[in-house]
N, C-alpha and C. Protein backbone atom coordinates (compact mmCIF):
# COMPACT_ATOMS: atom_id res chain seq x y z
N UNK A 1 64.75 110.33 -127.38
CA UNK A 1 65.75 109.35 -126.78
C UNK A 1 66.92 109.57 -126.51
N UNK A 2 67.78 110.84 -127.26
CA UNK A 2 68.74 111.41 -126.88
C UNK A 2 68.93 111.76 -125.56
N UNK A 3 67.96 112.48 -125.13
CA UNK A 3 68.21 113.18 -123.45
C UNK A 3 68.35 111.67 -122.44
N UNK A 4 67.15 110.90 -122.64
CA UNK A 4 67.12 109.73 -122.07
C UNK A 4 68.37 108.61 -122.05
N UNK A 5 69.20 108.14 -123.15
CA UNK A 5 70.14 107.89 -123.48
C UNK A 5 71.51 108.65 -122.83
N UNK A 6 71.26 110.03 -122.86
CA UNK A 6 72.80 111.20 -122.70
C UNK A 6 72.73 110.78 -120.89
N UNK A 7 71.60 110.77 -120.18
CA UNK A 7 71.36 110.52 -118.58
C UNK A 7 71.82 109.14 -118.69
N UNK A 8 71.83 108.41 -119.10
CA UNK A 8 72.22 106.80 -118.62
C UNK A 8 73.78 107.29 -119.23
N UNK A 9 73.98 107.39 -120.49
CA UNK A 9 75.46 107.71 -120.13
C UNK A 9 76.24 108.67 -119.28
N UNK A 10 75.96 109.82 -118.70
CA UNK A 10 76.47 110.21 -117.77
C UNK A 10 76.70 109.44 -116.45
N UNK A 11 75.65 108.57 -116.08
CA UNK A 11 75.93 107.79 -115.22
C UNK A 11 77.01 106.47 -115.68
N UNK A 12 76.87 106.19 -116.53
CA UNK A 12 78.45 105.12 -116.67
C UNK A 12 79.49 105.95 -116.34
N UNK A 13 79.27 107.14 -117.21
CA UNK A 13 80.87 107.72 -117.09
C UNK A 13 81.32 107.66 -115.90
N UNK A 14 80.40 107.97 -114.84
CA UNK A 14 80.79 107.75 -113.70
C UNK A 14 81.63 106.57 -112.73
N UNK A 15 80.89 105.14 -113.22
CA UNK A 15 81.37 104.20 -113.33
C UNK A 15 82.97 104.08 -113.97
N UNK A 16 83.16 104.71 -114.99
CA UNK A 16 84.35 104.44 -116.27
C UNK A 16 85.30 103.91 -114.75
N UNK A 17 85.99 104.70 -113.92
CA UNK A 17 87.18 104.73 -113.55
C UNK A 17 87.29 103.25 -112.83
N UNK A 18 86.13 103.16 -112.53
CA UNK A 18 86.04 101.69 -111.67
C UNK A 18 86.10 100.43 -112.81
N UNK A 19 85.48 100.77 -113.69
CA UNK A 19 85.88 100.09 -114.92
C UNK A 19 86.87 99.08 -115.40
N UNK A 20 87.51 100.40 -115.65
CA UNK A 20 88.98 100.74 -116.55
C UNK A 20 89.75 99.67 -115.70
N UNK A 21 89.95 99.44 -113.96
CA UNK A 21 90.90 98.71 -113.42
C UNK A 21 91.06 97.32 -114.11
N UNK A 22 90.37 96.52 -115.02
CA UNK A 22 90.35 95.60 -115.26
C UNK A 22 89.96 94.68 -116.47
N UNK A 23 90.31 94.45 -117.42
CA UNK A 23 89.70 94.07 -118.42
C UNK A 23 89.74 92.60 -118.61
N UNK A 24 88.70 92.11 -117.94
CA UNK A 24 88.35 90.18 -117.69
C UNK A 24 87.66 89.99 -119.54
N UNK A 25 88.21 88.51 -119.07
CA UNK A 25 87.50 87.81 -120.74
C UNK A 25 85.91 87.96 -120.78
N UNK A 26 85.56 88.08 -121.88
CA UNK A 26 84.09 88.04 -121.93
C UNK A 26 83.28 86.35 -121.72
N UNK A 27 82.00 86.85 -120.88
CA UNK A 27 81.36 85.64 -120.78
C UNK A 27 80.37 85.67 -121.65
N UNK A 28 79.85 84.49 -122.07
CA UNK A 28 78.59 84.50 -122.76
C UNK A 28 77.61 83.18 -121.80
N UNK A 29 76.86 83.42 -122.15
CA UNK A 29 75.61 82.50 -122.26
C UNK A 29 73.69 82.60 -122.88
N UNK A 30 73.32 81.66 -122.77
CA UNK A 30 72.17 81.83 -123.74
C UNK A 30 70.82 81.24 -122.65
N UNK A 31 69.90 81.25 -123.12
CA UNK A 31 68.46 80.87 -122.17
C UNK A 31 67.86 80.92 -123.17
N UNK A 32 66.87 79.81 -122.51
CA UNK A 32 65.54 79.59 -123.97
C UNK A 32 64.22 79.04 -122.58
N UNK A 33 62.99 79.55 -122.76
CA UNK A 33 62.21 79.06 -121.91
C UNK A 33 60.84 79.29 -121.73
N UNK A 34 59.33 79.52 -121.26
CA UNK A 34 58.38 78.96 -121.73
C UNK A 34 57.52 79.76 -120.77
N UNK A 35 56.51 80.39 -120.86
CA UNK A 35 55.58 80.55 -119.35
C UNK A 35 54.16 80.62 -120.17
N UNK A 36 52.87 80.05 -118.82
CA UNK A 36 51.70 79.91 -119.31
C UNK A 36 51.44 81.06 -120.24
N UNK A 37 51.59 82.38 -119.35
CA UNK A 37 51.11 83.88 -119.90
C UNK A 37 52.08 84.72 -119.99
N UNK A 38 52.73 85.04 -121.12
CA UNK A 38 53.78 86.02 -120.78
C UNK A 38 53.16 87.42 -120.84
N UNK A 39 53.62 88.12 -119.19
CA UNK A 39 53.32 89.06 -118.49
C UNK A 39 54.42 89.90 -118.55
N UNK A 40 54.33 91.18 -118.44
CA UNK A 40 55.65 92.19 -118.23
C UNK A 40 55.05 93.51 -117.71
N UNK A 41 55.72 93.67 -116.46
CA UNK A 41 55.28 95.02 -115.97
C UNK A 41 54.16 94.78 -115.86
N UNK A 42 53.16 93.54 -115.23
CA UNK A 42 52.18 93.75 -115.20
C UNK A 42 51.02 93.71 -116.52
N UNK A 43 51.35 93.90 -117.89
CA UNK A 43 50.79 93.71 -118.99
C UNK A 43 50.49 92.50 -119.54
N UNK A 44 49.39 91.65 -119.88
CA UNK A 44 49.41 90.57 -121.18
C UNK A 44 49.63 90.90 -122.12
N UNK A 45 50.91 90.09 -122.49
CA UNK A 45 51.74 90.38 -123.92
C UNK A 45 50.58 88.84 -124.54
N UNK A 46 50.87 87.97 -124.05
CA UNK A 46 50.04 86.49 -124.95
C UNK A 46 50.24 85.47 -124.33
N UNK A 47 48.84 84.48 -124.27
CA UNK A 47 48.87 83.68 -124.07
C UNK A 47 49.99 82.39 -124.34
N UNK A 48 50.57 81.90 -123.47
CA UNK A 48 51.59 80.58 -123.67
C UNK A 48 52.55 81.30 -125.05
N UNK A 49 53.94 81.73 -124.29
CA UNK A 49 54.68 82.01 -125.09
C UNK A 49 56.28 81.40 -124.72
N UNK A 50 57.05 81.24 -126.07
CA UNK A 50 58.16 81.18 -125.95
C UNK A 50 59.22 81.78 -125.84
N UNK A 51 60.33 81.89 -125.50
CA UNK A 51 61.74 82.71 -125.35
C UNK A 51 62.75 82.61 -125.54
N UNK A 52 63.93 83.09 -126.09
CA UNK A 52 65.28 82.92 -125.97
C UNK A 52 66.13 84.20 -126.34
N UNK A 53 67.08 83.93 -125.67
CA UNK A 53 67.66 85.15 -125.49
C UNK A 53 69.97 84.96 -125.21
N UNK A 54 70.33 86.03 -125.58
CA UNK A 54 72.02 85.36 -125.80
C UNK A 54 72.19 86.99 -124.79
N UNK A 55 73.40 86.79 -123.90
CA UNK A 55 73.97 87.79 -123.18
C UNK A 55 75.20 87.45 -123.06
N UNK A 56 75.70 88.45 -122.84
CA UNK A 56 77.63 88.62 -123.09
C UNK A 56 77.97 89.88 -121.80
N UNK A 57 78.60 89.50 -121.09
CA UNK A 57 79.50 90.04 -120.08
C UNK A 57 81.20 90.10 -119.84
N UNK A 58 81.48 91.32 -120.00
CA UNK A 58 83.25 91.31 -119.46
C UNK A 58 82.85 92.59 -118.39
N UNK A 59 83.54 91.89 -117.38
CA UNK A 59 83.18 92.81 -115.92
C UNK A 59 82.21 93.26 -115.49
N UNK A 60 82.01 94.93 -115.74
CA UNK A 60 80.97 95.33 -115.21
C UNK A 60 80.24 95.58 -116.89
N UNK A 61 80.34 95.06 -117.55
CA UNK A 61 79.70 95.57 -118.88
C UNK A 61 78.64 94.67 -119.72
N UNK A 62 77.34 94.58 -119.71
CA UNK A 62 76.89 93.69 -120.20
C UNK A 62 76.29 93.57 -121.37
N UNK A 63 75.81 93.20 -122.58
CA UNK A 63 75.45 93.03 -123.45
C UNK A 63 74.14 92.17 -123.88
N UNK A 64 73.36 91.94 -124.56
CA UNK A 64 72.27 91.20 -124.25
C UNK A 64 70.84 90.90 -125.29
N UNK A 65 70.57 90.50 -125.66
CA UNK A 65 69.40 90.35 -126.74
C UNK A 65 68.31 89.39 -126.09
N UNK A 66 67.40 89.01 -126.16
CA UNK A 66 66.07 88.06 -125.82
C UNK A 66 64.97 88.77 -126.62
N UNK A 67 64.35 87.36 -127.24
CA UNK A 67 63.18 87.55 -128.06
C UNK A 67 61.89 86.57 -127.59
N UNK A 68 61.00 86.90 -127.78
CA UNK A 68 59.80 86.32 -126.93
C UNK A 68 58.46 86.07 -128.36
N UNK A 69 57.53 85.06 -128.06
CA UNK A 69 56.81 84.81 -129.31
C UNK A 69 55.63 85.65 -128.83
N UNK A 70 54.95 86.84 -129.52
CA UNK A 70 53.69 87.59 -129.18
C UNK A 70 52.48 87.38 -129.57
N UNK A 71 52.49 86.39 -130.86
CA UNK A 71 51.51 86.12 -131.39
C UNK A 71 51.26 86.77 -132.97
N UNK A 72 51.34 88.02 -133.13
CA UNK A 72 51.26 88.87 -133.92
C UNK A 72 52.63 89.14 -134.56
N UNK A 73 54.18 88.10 -134.79
CA UNK A 73 55.43 88.52 -135.01
C UNK A 73 55.96 88.13 -133.70
N UNK A 74 57.17 88.71 -133.25
CA UNK A 74 57.82 88.95 -132.47
C UNK A 74 58.98 89.56 -131.65
N UNK A 75 58.82 89.91 -130.17
CA UNK A 75 59.17 90.85 -129.37
C UNK A 75 60.54 90.15 -129.43
N UNK A 76 61.30 91.96 -129.95
CA UNK A 76 62.95 91.83 -129.68
C UNK A 76 63.64 92.16 -128.98
N UNK A 77 64.22 92.63 -127.92
CA UNK A 77 64.73 93.53 -126.88
C UNK A 77 65.72 93.09 -127.12
N UNK A 78 66.84 94.99 -127.19
CA UNK A 78 68.25 94.67 -127.38
C UNK A 78 68.97 95.40 -126.19
N UNK A 79 69.96 95.23 -125.06
CA UNK A 79 70.02 96.39 -124.20
C UNK A 79 71.57 95.83 -123.54
N UNK A 80 71.65 97.16 -122.82
CA UNK A 80 73.33 96.94 -122.46
C UNK A 80 73.14 98.00 -121.84
N UNK A 81 74.59 97.98 -121.05
CA UNK A 81 74.88 98.79 -120.07
C UNK A 81 76.18 97.92 -118.83
N UNK A 82 76.27 98.77 -117.69
CA UNK A 82 76.96 98.63 -116.98
C UNK A 82 76.69 98.20 -115.50
N UNK A 83 77.09 97.14 -114.95
CA UNK A 83 76.97 96.73 -113.34
C UNK A 83 77.93 96.89 -112.95
N UNK A 84 77.73 97.52 -111.35
CA UNK A 84 78.90 97.22 -110.37
C UNK A 84 78.63 96.97 -108.92
N UNK A 85 79.82 96.51 -107.97
CA UNK A 85 79.07 96.70 -106.90
C UNK A 85 80.10 97.33 -105.89
N UNK A 86 79.36 97.75 -105.29
CA UNK A 86 80.28 98.69 -104.04
C UNK A 86 79.92 98.20 -102.77
N UNK A 87 80.55 97.52 -102.06
CA UNK A 87 80.39 96.46 -101.12
C UNK A 87 79.07 95.69 -100.96
N UNK A 88 78.15 95.94 -100.66
CA UNK A 88 76.95 95.15 -100.54
C UNK A 88 75.97 96.16 -100.87
N UNK A 89 76.40 97.48 -102.30
CA UNK A 89 75.06 97.51 -103.01
C UNK A 89 75.85 97.39 -104.21
N UNK A 90 74.60 96.88 -105.23
CA UNK A 90 74.50 96.89 -106.43
C UNK A 90 73.87 97.97 -107.04
N UNK A 91 75.03 98.50 -108.39
CA UNK A 91 74.36 99.58 -109.60
C UNK A 91 74.51 99.36 -110.71
N UNK A 92 73.45 99.72 -111.29
CA UNK A 92 73.72 99.45 -112.96
C UNK A 92 73.06 100.50 -114.02
N UNK A 93 73.42 100.77 -114.90
CA UNK A 93 73.18 101.47 -115.88
C UNK A 93 72.78 101.43 -116.96
N UNK A 94 72.10 101.51 -117.61
CA UNK A 94 71.81 101.39 -119.44
C UNK A 94 71.27 101.83 -119.91
N UNK A 95 70.44 100.64 -121.04
CA UNK A 95 69.41 101.44 -122.18
C UNK A 95 68.50 99.99 -122.65
N UNK A 96 67.37 100.29 -122.64
CA UNK A 96 66.66 99.02 -123.42
C UNK A 96 66.08 99.52 -124.97
N UNK A 97 65.86 98.73 -126.01
CA UNK A 97 64.85 98.64 -126.94
C UNK A 97 64.37 97.95 -126.98
N UNK A 98 62.91 97.71 -127.32
CA UNK A 98 61.80 97.01 -127.08
C UNK A 98 61.28 96.93 -128.64
N UNK A 99 61.72 96.58 -129.66
CA UNK A 99 61.08 96.04 -131.02
C UNK A 99 60.35 95.15 -131.18
N UNK A 100 59.80 94.98 -132.08
CA UNK A 100 58.56 93.92 -132.83
C UNK A 100 58.57 94.08 -133.86
N UNK A 101 58.88 92.77 -134.42
CA UNK A 101 58.69 92.36 -136.39
C UNK A 101 57.42 92.43 -136.79
N UNK A 102 56.30 91.84 -136.01
CA UNK A 102 54.69 92.24 -136.33
C UNK A 102 54.57 93.50 -136.61
N UNK A 103 53.05 93.81 -136.56
CA UNK A 103 52.48 94.51 -135.68
C UNK A 103 51.56 94.92 -134.59
N UNK A 104 52.21 94.06 -133.56
CA UNK A 104 51.87 93.55 -132.47
C UNK A 104 51.98 94.87 -131.43
N UNK A 105 52.96 95.75 -131.68
CA UNK A 105 52.74 97.00 -130.68
C UNK A 105 53.78 98.08 -131.36
N UNK A 106 54.11 99.33 -130.92
CA UNK A 106 55.07 100.20 -131.75
C UNK A 106 56.80 99.66 -130.87
N UNK A 107 57.68 100.53 -131.35
CA UNK A 107 59.08 100.61 -130.53
C UNK A 107 59.10 101.58 -128.80
N UNK A 108 59.38 100.80 -128.49
CA UNK A 108 59.87 101.42 -127.44
C UNK A 108 61.25 101.79 -126.89
N UNK A 109 61.55 103.15 -126.36
CA UNK A 109 63.42 102.91 -125.87
C UNK A 109 62.98 103.26 -124.78
N UNK A 110 64.39 102.74 -123.85
CA UNK A 110 64.50 103.48 -122.09
C UNK A 110 66.02 103.57 -121.99
N UNK A 111 65.96 104.43 -121.30
CA UNK A 111 67.55 104.35 -119.86
C UNK A 111 66.49 103.89 -118.99
N UNK A 112 67.66 102.72 -118.44
CA UNK A 112 67.32 102.00 -117.37
C UNK A 112 68.32 102.28 -115.99
N UNK A 113 67.63 102.70 -115.04
CA UNK A 113 68.84 102.86 -113.58
C UNK A 113 68.40 101.71 -112.38
N UNK A 114 69.56 100.81 -111.84
CA UNK A 114 68.96 99.70 -110.57
C UNK A 114 69.78 100.05 -110.09
N UNK A 115 69.45 99.86 -108.20
CA UNK A 115 69.65 99.78 -107.35
C UNK A 115 69.36 98.74 -106.67
N UNK A 116 70.55 97.82 -105.97
CA UNK A 116 70.30 96.93 -104.90
C UNK A 116 71.06 96.81 -104.13
N UNK A 117 70.44 96.27 -102.60
CA UNK A 117 71.21 96.07 -101.14
C UNK A 117 70.14 94.70 -100.80
N UNK A 118 70.98 93.96 -100.30
CA UNK A 118 70.47 92.32 -99.74
C UNK A 118 69.25 92.30 -100.48
N UNK A 119 68.03 92.28 -99.61
CA UNK A 119 67.45 91.37 -100.52
C UNK A 119 66.59 92.79 -100.96
N UNK A 120 66.38 93.77 -101.32
CA UNK A 120 65.60 94.39 -101.83
C UNK A 120 66.45 95.33 -103.03
N UNK A 121 65.50 95.87 -104.08
CA UNK A 121 66.32 96.11 -105.25
C UNK A 121 64.87 97.06 -105.92
N UNK A 122 65.76 97.78 -106.94
CA UNK A 122 64.85 99.18 -107.05
C UNK A 122 65.41 99.50 -108.59
N UNK A 123 64.21 99.39 -109.46
CA UNK A 123 64.20 99.68 -111.19
C UNK A 123 63.64 101.19 -111.38
N UNK A 124 64.04 102.15 -111.61
CA UNK A 124 63.76 103.22 -112.62
C UNK A 124 63.84 103.37 -113.81
N UNK A 125 62.95 103.44 -114.88
CA UNK A 125 62.95 103.32 -116.38
C UNK A 125 62.45 105.01 -116.86
N UNK A 126 63.09 105.20 -117.63
CA UNK A 126 62.57 107.06 -118.78
C UNK A 126 62.52 106.19 -119.70
N UNK A 127 60.97 106.18 -120.77
CA UNK A 127 61.25 105.90 -121.60
C UNK A 127 60.12 106.49 -122.38
N UNK A 128 60.14 105.96 -124.19
CA UNK A 128 59.11 106.50 -124.63
C UNK A 128 58.45 105.66 -125.90
N UNK A 129 57.91 106.24 -126.45
CA UNK A 129 57.16 105.27 -127.31
C UNK A 129 56.39 106.21 -128.53
N UNK A 130 55.81 105.49 -129.77
CA UNK A 130 54.96 106.87 -130.54
C UNK A 130 53.54 105.78 -130.06
N UNK A 131 52.46 106.85 -130.01
CA UNK A 131 51.03 106.26 -129.79
C UNK A 131 50.68 105.41 -131.47
N UNK A 132 49.92 104.40 -131.27
CA UNK A 132 49.18 104.14 -132.85
C UNK A 132 48.58 105.00 -133.31
N UNK A 133 48.28 105.62 -134.52
CA UNK A 133 47.13 106.41 -135.05
C UNK A 133 45.77 105.88 -134.84
N UNK A 134 45.04 107.21 -134.61
CA UNK A 134 43.39 107.27 -133.96
C UNK A 134 42.87 107.91 -134.84
N UNK A 135 42.03 107.34 -135.70
CA UNK A 135 41.54 108.35 -137.14
C UNK A 135 42.62 109.15 -138.07
N UNK A 136 41.97 110.34 -137.75
CA UNK A 136 43.17 111.45 -138.16
C UNK A 136 44.15 111.69 -137.30
N UNK A 137 44.61 111.38 -136.42
CA UNK A 137 45.57 111.53 -135.66
C UNK A 137 46.63 110.64 -136.15
N UNK A 138 47.83 111.18 -136.47
CA UNK A 138 48.68 110.23 -136.91
C UNK A 138 49.75 109.60 -135.76
N UNK A 139 49.66 109.95 -134.91
CA UNK A 139 50.00 109.39 -133.56
C UNK A 139 51.29 109.97 -133.11
N UNK A 140 51.08 110.50 -131.97
CA UNK A 140 51.89 111.59 -130.98
C UNK A 140 53.03 110.40 -130.33
N UNK A 141 53.97 111.27 -130.13
CA UNK A 141 55.15 110.58 -128.85
C UNK A 141 54.86 110.44 -127.70
N UNK A 142 54.74 109.53 -126.93
CA UNK A 142 54.54 109.46 -125.60
C UNK A 142 55.40 109.53 -124.42
N UNK A 143 55.15 109.59 -123.46
CA UNK A 143 56.59 109.34 -122.46
C UNK A 143 55.94 108.88 -121.40
N UNK A 144 56.78 107.68 -120.37
CA UNK A 144 56.40 107.27 -119.11
C UNK A 144 57.10 107.53 -118.55
N UNK A 145 57.06 107.04 -117.17
CA UNK A 145 58.10 106.72 -116.56
C UNK A 145 57.82 105.23 -115.43
N UNK A 146 59.16 104.03 -115.11
CA UNK A 146 58.70 103.23 -114.43
C UNK A 146 59.28 103.41 -113.44
N UNK A 147 58.35 102.58 -112.04
CA UNK A 147 59.37 102.06 -110.82
C UNK A 147 58.78 101.23 -110.22
N UNK A 148 59.53 100.27 -110.05
CA UNK A 148 59.61 99.02 -109.27
C UNK A 148 60.51 98.79 -108.19
N UNK A 149 59.99 98.17 -107.15
CA UNK A 149 60.39 97.78 -105.89
C UNK A 149 60.24 96.42 -105.92
N UNK A 150 61.33 95.70 -105.37
CA UNK A 150 61.29 93.78 -105.41
C UNK A 150 62.22 93.60 -104.26
N UNK A 151 61.32 92.77 -103.22
CA UNK A 151 61.98 92.11 -102.03
C UNK A 151 62.53 90.74 -102.42
N UNK A 152 63.04 89.91 -102.30
CA UNK A 152 63.28 88.60 -102.63
C UNK A 152 64.23 87.73 -100.97
N UNK A 153 63.64 86.47 -101.18
CA UNK A 153 64.09 85.57 -99.64
C UNK A 153 64.03 84.27 -100.02
N UNK A 154 65.09 83.64 -100.61
CA UNK A 154 64.92 81.96 -100.47
C UNK A 154 64.35 81.92 -101.71
N UNK A 155 64.33 82.43 -102.40
CA UNK A 155 63.67 81.94 -103.43
C UNK A 155 61.83 82.69 -103.88
N UNK A 156 61.69 83.20 -102.57
CA UNK A 156 60.08 83.97 -102.75
C UNK A 156 60.68 85.61 -103.26
N UNK A 157 59.56 86.15 -103.89
CA UNK A 157 59.69 87.53 -104.32
C UNK A 157 58.29 88.24 -104.40
N UNK A 158 58.64 89.20 -104.65
CA UNK A 158 57.44 90.48 -104.43
C UNK A 158 57.90 91.81 -104.85
N UNK A 159 57.05 92.08 -105.52
CA UNK A 159 57.15 92.86 -106.55
C UNK A 159 55.94 94.24 -106.73
N UNK A 160 56.09 95.15 -106.65
CA UNK A 160 54.77 96.37 -106.84
C UNK A 160 55.58 97.39 -107.81
N UNK A 161 54.76 97.13 -108.78
CA UNK A 161 55.66 98.39 -110.02
C UNK A 161 54.27 99.30 -110.51
N UNK A 162 55.03 100.54 -110.94
CA UNK A 162 53.71 101.33 -111.11
C UNK A 162 54.46 102.67 -112.48
N UNK A 163 53.51 102.62 -113.60
CA UNK A 163 53.67 103.50 -114.13
C UNK A 163 53.06 104.75 -114.04
N UNK A 164 54.17 105.79 -114.65
CA UNK A 164 53.18 107.56 -114.80
C UNK A 164 53.45 108.10 -116.13
N UNK A 165 53.36 109.27 -115.65
CA UNK A 165 53.07 110.23 -117.36
C UNK A 165 52.42 110.46 -118.47
N UNK A 166 52.29 109.63 -119.13
CA UNK A 166 51.40 109.45 -120.32
C UNK A 166 50.83 108.32 -120.21
N UNK A 167 51.36 107.23 -119.83
CA UNK A 167 50.86 106.24 -119.78
C UNK A 167 50.98 105.69 -118.47
N UNK A 168 50.10 105.37 -117.46
CA UNK A 168 49.88 104.81 -115.95
C UNK A 168 49.84 104.00 -115.97
N UNK A 169 49.75 103.18 -114.88
CA UNK A 169 48.67 101.70 -114.21
C UNK A 169 49.82 100.95 -113.01
N UNK A 170 49.19 100.59 -111.96
CA UNK A 170 50.28 99.65 -111.41
C UNK A 170 49.92 98.36 -111.17
N UNK A 171 50.70 97.68 -110.71
CA UNK A 171 50.56 96.08 -110.50
C UNK A 171 51.63 95.70 -108.95
N UNK A 172 50.87 94.56 -108.62
CA UNK A 172 51.98 93.64 -107.80
C UNK A 172 52.16 92.91 -108.30
N UNK A 173 53.06 91.84 -107.87
CA UNK A 173 53.13 90.65 -108.28
C UNK A 173 54.47 89.63 -107.32
N UNK A 174 53.62 88.41 -106.91
CA UNK A 174 54.41 87.56 -105.40
C UNK A 174 54.98 85.92 -106.01
N UNK A 175 55.87 85.61 -106.08
CA UNK A 175 56.35 84.15 -106.45
C UNK A 175 57.45 83.84 -105.84
N UNK A 176 57.82 82.49 -106.42
CA UNK A 176 58.53 81.77 -105.70
C UNK A 176 59.09 80.67 -107.58
N UNK A 177 60.64 80.87 -107.18
CA UNK A 177 61.20 80.18 -108.25
C UNK A 177 62.30 79.09 -107.75
N UNK A 178 62.71 78.05 -108.37
CA UNK A 178 63.51 77.02 -107.45
C UNK A 178 64.23 76.41 -109.19
N UNK A 179 65.10 75.19 -108.94
CA UNK A 179 65.64 74.79 -110.14
C UNK A 179 65.75 73.29 -109.62
N UNK A 180 65.44 72.32 -110.90
CA UNK A 180 65.12 70.72 -110.27
C UNK A 180 66.09 70.49 -111.71
N UNK A 181 66.94 69.52 -111.22
CA UNK A 181 68.20 69.52 -112.07
C UNK A 181 68.31 70.93 -112.65
N UNK A 182 68.46 71.03 -114.36
CA UNK A 182 69.50 71.32 -115.28
C UNK A 182 67.98 72.99 -114.97
N UNK A 183 66.60 72.50 -114.80
CA UNK A 183 65.96 73.29 -115.40
C UNK A 183 65.31 74.49 -113.98
N UNK A 184 64.73 75.44 -114.50
CA UNK A 184 64.58 76.42 -114.00
C UNK A 184 62.87 76.63 -113.76
N UNK A 185 62.31 76.75 -112.73
CA UNK A 185 60.74 76.89 -112.50
C UNK A 185 60.41 77.97 -111.52
N UNK A 186 59.05 78.08 -112.32
CA UNK A 186 58.66 79.75 -111.37
C UNK A 186 56.64 79.80 -111.57
N UNK A 187 56.81 79.98 -110.50
CA UNK A 187 55.16 80.05 -110.42
C UNK A 187 54.64 81.64 -109.66
N UNK A 188 53.71 81.97 -109.99
CA UNK A 188 53.50 83.82 -109.63
C UNK A 188 52.35 84.25 -109.62
N UNK A 189 51.95 84.66 -109.27
CA UNK A 189 50.32 85.61 -109.33
C UNK A 189 50.68 87.22 -108.91
N UNK A 190 49.77 87.70 -110.24
CA UNK A 190 49.99 88.98 -110.71
C UNK A 190 48.75 89.70 -110.63
N UNK A 191 48.94 90.50 -110.15
CA UNK A 191 47.21 91.89 -109.91
C UNK A 191 47.97 93.14 -110.09
N UNK A 192 47.08 93.22 -111.84
CA UNK A 192 47.17 94.58 -112.08
C UNK A 192 45.60 95.15 -111.83
N UNK A 193 45.55 96.98 -112.11
CA UNK A 193 45.06 97.33 -112.38
C UNK A 193 44.04 97.69 -113.43
N UNK A 194 42.66 98.62 -113.60
CA UNK A 194 42.40 98.44 -114.49
C UNK A 194 42.66 98.94 -115.85
N UNK A 195 43.73 100.29 -115.36
CA UNK A 195 44.74 100.37 -116.53
C UNK A 195 45.84 99.41 -117.31
N UNK A 196 45.82 98.52 -116.60
CA UNK A 196 47.11 97.96 -117.04
C UNK A 196 46.45 96.47 -118.27
N UNK A 197 45.38 96.32 -116.98
CA UNK A 197 44.76 94.98 -117.94
C UNK A 197 43.72 95.50 -119.15
N UNK A 198 43.75 96.59 -119.09
CA UNK A 198 43.32 97.41 -120.26
C UNK A 198 43.57 98.33 -121.17
N UNK A 199 45.08 98.13 -121.45
CA UNK A 199 45.90 99.58 -121.83
C UNK A 199 45.50 100.16 -122.64
N UNK A 200 44.62 99.50 -123.83
CA UNK A 200 43.88 101.08 -124.85
C UNK A 200 42.34 101.29 -124.55
N UNK A 201 42.01 100.62 -123.21
CA UNK A 201 41.07 101.34 -122.56
C UNK A 201 40.09 101.65 -123.65
N UNK A 202 39.81 100.22 -124.00
CA UNK A 202 38.61 99.93 -124.89
C UNK A 202 37.17 99.60 -123.98
N UNK A 203 37.36 99.35 -122.70
CA UNK A 203 36.49 99.06 -122.01
C UNK A 203 36.78 99.18 -120.18
N UNK A 204 35.86 99.76 -120.07
CA UNK A 204 36.17 100.12 -118.47
C UNK A 204 35.84 99.01 -117.53
N UNK A 205 37.18 97.92 -117.47
CA UNK A 205 36.83 96.83 -117.01
C UNK A 205 37.62 96.95 -115.88
N UNK A 206 37.72 96.49 -114.71
CA UNK A 206 38.02 96.30 -113.71
C UNK A 206 39.71 96.24 -113.51
N UNK A 207 40.36 95.52 -112.79
CA UNK A 207 41.53 95.22 -112.37
C UNK A 207 41.35 93.61 -112.97
N UNK A 208 42.76 93.03 -113.05
CA UNK A 208 42.56 91.54 -113.48
C UNK A 208 43.67 90.53 -111.97
N UNK A 209 43.42 89.16 -111.80
CA UNK A 209 44.45 88.55 -111.12
C UNK A 209 44.59 87.35 -112.16
N UNK A 210 45.77 86.63 -111.73
CA UNK A 210 46.26 85.53 -113.07
C UNK A 210 47.62 84.64 -112.01
N UNK A 211 47.20 83.58 -112.73
CA UNK A 211 48.60 82.92 -111.96
C UNK A 211 49.32 82.81 -113.83
N UNK A 212 51.02 82.66 -113.13
CA UNK A 212 51.80 82.25 -114.41
C UNK A 212 52.78 81.32 -113.87
N UNK A 213 52.84 80.11 -114.89
CA UNK A 213 54.01 79.51 -114.32
C UNK A 213 55.04 79.28 -115.96
N UNK A 214 56.25 79.00 -115.21
CA UNK A 214 57.15 79.46 -116.02
C UNK A 214 58.37 77.84 -115.98
N UNK A 215 59.12 77.67 -116.96
CA UNK A 215 60.16 76.80 -117.22
C UNK A 215 61.22 77.45 -118.17
N UNK A 216 62.37 77.40 -118.10
CA UNK A 216 63.82 77.85 -118.89
C UNK A 216 64.91 77.02 -117.93
N UNK A 217 66.13 77.68 -119.04
CA UNK A 217 66.73 76.65 -118.99
C UNK A 217 68.42 77.81 -119.42
N UNK A 218 69.20 77.60 -118.61
CA UNK A 218 70.80 78.43 -119.41
C UNK A 218 71.66 77.83 -119.52
N UNK A 219 72.05 78.62 -120.63
CA UNK A 219 73.17 77.38 -121.27
C UNK A 219 74.38 78.46 -121.11
N UNK A 220 75.60 77.88 -120.51
CA UNK A 220 75.96 76.25 -119.49
C UNK A 220 75.11 77.04 -118.36
N UNK A 221 75.59 75.87 -117.90
CA UNK A 221 74.37 75.78 -116.50
C UNK A 221 74.81 74.84 -115.89
């Protein structure tokens, strides 16, 4: 993890002179939501999942935490980094830890980079996790890379994402988001390949296609 965080730290140091120009007051926001199926990067985590999060920003610096019900305990994410705009281009760099209170999964640690311009955004993440023990195997450290490209227009969006290295798989997602009153709503369709529909590879199944409905609220709004 030192290597991955080191990469993110180097990127952050490049932005430091820009961040030091002003010290704006911190802004806080919270969110709560529910989805009919919790999918993350094309992988099903749980049917019907509630979530909540808290974020703080101070100029280009952001920190936050987010938690979701995954059945066997909770997923708790902790993340932070730096995000700036240079003209029409947005750049972000930071790190994320995916933690679990039960035995649903192991800890995942990532370094994250983001780039966006107009309706197009790109996410590139490098991470690692410990594979679960298998028989006499005590579990080995696994490395992965994740790349996703998203296009958005007037509430519609489409994403194509792929994993490489020790963990592999690809998915596509299209959806539409809108607000009604103080609530935000989403409807999306997700198509993953056999690797993401069966991450444990316990069955030689094909890919899976599903629809997901979500509702959320941000405070203040």
